[in-house]
Amino acid sequence: LYVEGVSMLLSERNEIGSMLDKHRGDLDKLIADMRILNAG
């Protein structure tokens, strides 16, 4: 999906990568964080 010339897929990939770095590669913590963001 492109919005104003920016790939949203690339943006999402970067955001998830940053979240994974924040949790030092712990997928369980990443998933928990994503659930919290999705619920809000």
PDB file of N, CA and C in Angstrom:
ATOM      1  N   LEU A   1       0.853  -1.172   0.000  1.00  0.00           N
ATOM      2  CA  LEU A   1       0.000   0.000   0.000  1.00  0.00           C
ATOM      3  C   LEU A   1       0.901   1.238   0.000  1.00  0.00           C
ATOM      4  N   TYR A   2       0.616   2.149  -0.882  1.00  0.00           N
ATOM      5  CA  TYR A   2       1.388   3.388  -0.961  1.00  0.00           C
ATOM      6  C   TYR A   2       0.507   4.571  -0.573  1.00  0.00           C
ATOM      7  N   VAL A   3       1.015   5.396   0.317  1.00  0.00           N
ATOM      8  CA  VAL A   3       0.325   6.606   0.735  1.00  0.00           C
ATOM      9  C   VAL A   3       1.296   7.758   0.530  1.00  0.00           C
ATOM     10  N   GLU A   4       0.914   8.691  -0.326  1.00  0.00           N
ATOM     11  CA  GLU A   4       1.754   9.843  -0.645  1.00  0.00           C
ATOM     12  C   GLU A   4       3.169   9.421  -1.009  1.00  0.00           C
ATOM     13  N   GLY A   5       3.288   8.323  -1.769  1.00  0.00           N
ATOM     14  CA  GLY A   5       4.578   7.868  -2.259  1.00  0.00           C
ATOM     15  C   GLY A   5       5.406   7.082  -1.257  1.00  0.00           C
ATOM     16  N   VAL A   6       4.861   6.812  -0.099  1.00  0.00           N
ATOM     17  CA  VAL A   6       5.594   6.080   0.936  1.00  0.00           C
ATOM     18  C   VAL A   6       4.979   4.696   1.083  1.00  0.00           C
ATOM     19  N   SER A   7       5.818   3.693   1.042  1.00  0.00           N
ATOM     20  CA  SER A   7       5.336   2.332   1.210  1.00  0.00           C
ATOM     21  C   SER A   7       4.964   2.099   2.668  1.00  0.00           C
ATOM     22  N   MET A   8       3.710   1.782   2.916  1.00  0.00           N
ATOM     23  CA  MET A   8       3.271   1.503   4.279  1.00  0.00           C
ATOM     24  C   MET A   8       3.881   0.199   4.779  1.00  0.00           C
ATOM     25  N   LEU A   9       4.138  -0.742   3.867  1.00  0.00           N
ATOM     26  CA  LEU A   9       4.768  -2.001   4.257  1.00  0.00           C
ATOM     27  C   LEU A   9       6.153  -1.739   4.839  1.00  0.00           C
ATOM     28  N   LEU A  10       6.914  -0.881   4.187  1.00  0.00           N
ATOM     29  CA  LEU A  10       8.250  -0.538   4.680  1.00  0.00           C
ATOM     30  C   LEU A  10       8.161   0.142   6.041  1.00  0.00           C
ATOM     31  N   SER A  11       7.204   1.020   6.192  1.00  0.00           N
ATOM     32  CA  SER A  11       7.005   1.716   7.458  1.00  0.00           C
ATOM     33  C   SER A  11       6.657   0.737   8.574  1.00  0.00           C
ATOM     34  N   GLU A  12       5.742  -0.191   8.292  1.00  0.00           N
ATOM     35  CA  GLU A  12       5.353  -1.197   9.284  1.00  0.00           C
ATOM     36  C   GLU A  12       6.534  -2.092   9.636  1.00  0.00           C
ATOM     37  N   ARG A  13       7.286  -2.498   8.632  1.00  0.00           N
ATOM     38  CA  ARG A  13       8.451  -3.363   8.861  1.00  0.00           C
ATOM     39  C   ARG A  13       9.459  -2.667   9.776  1.00  0.00           C
ATOM     40  N   ASN A  14       9.698  -1.389   9.524  1.00  0.00           N
ATOM     41  CA  ASN A  14      10.633  -0.633  10.361  1.00  0.00           C
ATOM     42  C   ASN A  14      10.117  -0.489  11.788  1.00  0.00           C
ATOM     43  N   GLU A  15       8.823  -0.244  11.921  1.00  0.00           N
ATOM     44  CA  GLU A  15       8.240  -0.082  13.254  1.00  0.00           C
ATOM     45  C   GLU A  15       8.321  -1.386  14.050  1.00  0.00           C
ATOM     46  N   ILE A  16       8.003  -2.502  13.414  1.00  0.00           N
ATOM     47  CA  ILE A  16       8.082  -3.798  14.092  1.00  0.00           C
ATOM     48  C   ILE A  16       9.528  -4.124  14.436  1.00  0.00           C
ATOM     49  N   GLY A  17      10.448  -3.814  13.546  1.00  0.00           N
ATOM     50  CA  GLY A  17      11.867  -4.024  13.824  1.00  0.00           C
ATOM     51  C   GLY A  17      12.328  -3.225  15.029  1.00  0.00           C
ATOM     52  N   SER A  18      11.869  -1.996  15.140  1.00  0.00           N
ATOM     53  CA  SER A  18      12.218  -1.152  16.289  1.00  0.00           C
ATOM     54  C   SER A  18      11.636  -1.709  17.579  1.00  0.00           C
ATOM     55  N   MET A  19      10.398  -2.190  17.501  1.00  0.00           N
ATOM     56  CA  MET A  19       9.770  -2.781  18.684  1.00  0.00           C
ATOM     57  C   MET A  19      10.513  -4.048  19.105  1.00  0.00           C
ATOM     58  N   LEU A  20      10.939  -4.840  18.135  1.00  0.00           N
ATOM     59  CA  LEU A  20      11.678  -6.068  18.439  1.00  0.00           C
ATOM     60  C   LEU A  20      13.026  -5.728  19.073  1.00  0.00           C
ATOM     61  N   ASP A  21      13.686  -4.691  18.567  1.00  0.00           N
ATOM     62  CA  ASP A  21      14.942  -4.234  19.175  1.00  0.00           C
ATOM     63  C   ASP A  21      14.708  -3.794  20.620  1.00  0.00           C
ATOM     64  N   LYS A  22      13.610  -3.089  20.844  1.00  0.00           N
ATOM     65  CA  LYS A  22      13.272  -2.602  22.178  1.00  0.00           C
ATOM     66  C   LYS A  22      13.136  -3.762  23.171  1.00  0.00           C
ATOM     67  N   HIS A  23      12.620  -4.884  22.681  1.00  0.00           N
ATOM     68  CA  HIS A  23      12.412  -6.058  23.538  1.00  0.00           C
ATOM     69  C   HIS A  23      13.545  -7.068  23.419  1.00  0.00           C
ATOM     70  N   ARG A  24      14.665  -6.618  22.837  1.00  0.00           N
ATOM     71  CA  ARG A  24      15.878  -7.435  22.691  1.00  0.00           C
ATOM     72  C   ARG A  24      15.604  -8.786  22.043  1.00  0.00           C
ATOM     73  N   GLY A  25      14.763  -8.786  21.022  1.00  0.00           N
ATOM     74  CA  GLY A  25      14.511  -9.996  20.247  1.00  0.00           C
ATOM     75  C   GLY A  25      13.514 -10.954  20.863  1.00  0.00           C
ATOM     76  N   ASP A  26      12.895 -10.587  21.976  1.00  0.00           N
ATOM     77  CA  ASP A  26      11.930 -11.459  22.650  1.00  0.00           C
ATOM     78  C   ASP A  26      10.568 -11.339  21.957  1.00  0.00           C
ATOM     79  N   LEU A  27      10.225 -12.365  21.173  1.00  0.00           N
ATOM     80  CA  LEU A  27       8.980 -12.332  20.407  1.00  0.00           C
ATOM     81  C   LEU A  27       7.750 -12.306  21.302  1.00  0.00           C
ATOM     82  N   ASP A  28       7.793 -12.998  22.430  1.00  0.00           N
ATOM     83  CA  ASP A  28       6.645 -12.995  23.340  1.00  0.00           C
ATOM     84  C   ASP A  28       6.352 -11.583  23.842  1.00  0.00           C
ATOM     85  N   LYS A  29       7.386 -10.839  24.182  1.00  0.00           N
ATOM     86  CA  LYS A  29       7.198  -9.459  24.636  1.00  0.00           C
ATOM     87  C   LYS A  29       6.713  -8.571  23.493  1.00  0.00           C
ATOM     88  N   LEU A  30       7.232  -8.817  22.286  1.00  0.00           N
ATOM     89  CA  LEU A  30       6.784  -8.059  21.118  1.00  0.00           C
ATOM     90  C   LEU A  30       5.297  -8.284  20.878  1.00  0.00           C
ATOM     91  N   ILE A  31       4.873  -9.542  20.916  1.00  0.00           N
ATOM     92  CA  ILE A  31       3.462  -9.876  20.691  1.00  0.00           C
ATOM     93  C   ILE A  31       2.588  -9.241  21.766  1.00  0.00           C
ATOM     94  N   ALA A  32       3.023  -9.300  23.020  1.00  0.00           N
ATOM     95  CA  ALA A  32       2.262  -8.684  24.113  1.00  0.00           C
ATOM     96  C   ALA A  32       2.129  -7.179  23.887  1.00  0.00           C
ATOM     97  N   ASP A  33       3.205  -6.536  23.467  1.00  0.00           N
ATOM     98  CA  ASP A  33       3.191  -5.100  23.189  1.00  0.00           C
ATOM     99  C   ASP A  33       2.229  -4.783  22.046  1.00  0.00           C
ATOM    100  N   MET A  34       2.245  -5.601  21.006  1.00  0.00           N
ATOM    101  CA  MET A  34       1.363  -5.378  19.858  1.00  0.00           C
ATOM    102  C   MET A  34      -0.102  -5.568  20.248  1.00  0.00           C
ATOM    103  N   ARG A  35      -0.369  -6.512  21.137  1.00  0.00           N
ATOM    104  CA  ARG A  35      -1.751  -6.719  21.606  1.00  0.00           C
ATOM    105  C   ARG A  35      -2.247  -5.500  22.370  1.00  0.00           C
ATOM    106  N   ILE A  36      -1.379  -4.929  23.186  1.00  0.00           N
ATOM    107  CA  ILE A  36      -1.751  -3.732  23.940  1.00  0.00           C
ATOM    108  C   ILE A  36      -2.049  -2.580  22.982  1.00  0.00           C
ATOM    109  N   LEU A  37      -1.203  -2.397  21.983  1.00  0.00           N
ATOM    110  CA  LEU A  37      -1.417  -1.325  21.005  1.00  0.00           C
ATOM    111  C   LEU A  37      -2.698  -1.542  20.215  1.00  0.00           C
ATOM    112  N   ASN A  38      -2.996  -2.793  19.889  1.00  0.00           N
ATOM    113  CA  ASN A  38      -4.192  -3.124  19.115  1.00  0.00           C
ATOM    114  C   ASN A  38      -5.459  -2.905  19.933  1.00  0.00           C
ATOM    115  N   ALA A  39      -5.401  -3.145  21.234  1.00  0.00           N
ATOM    116  CA  ALA A  39      -6.567  -3.000  22.102  1.00  0.00           C
ATOM    117  C   ALA A  39      -6.919  -1.532  22.342  1.00  0.00           C
ATOM    118  N   GLY A  40      -5.902  -0.675  22.282  1.00  0.00           N
ATOM    119  CA  GLY A  40      -6.104   0.738  22.611  1.00  0.00           C
ATOM    120  C   GLY A  40      -6.673   1.473  21.490  1.00  0.00           C
TER     121      GLY A  40
END
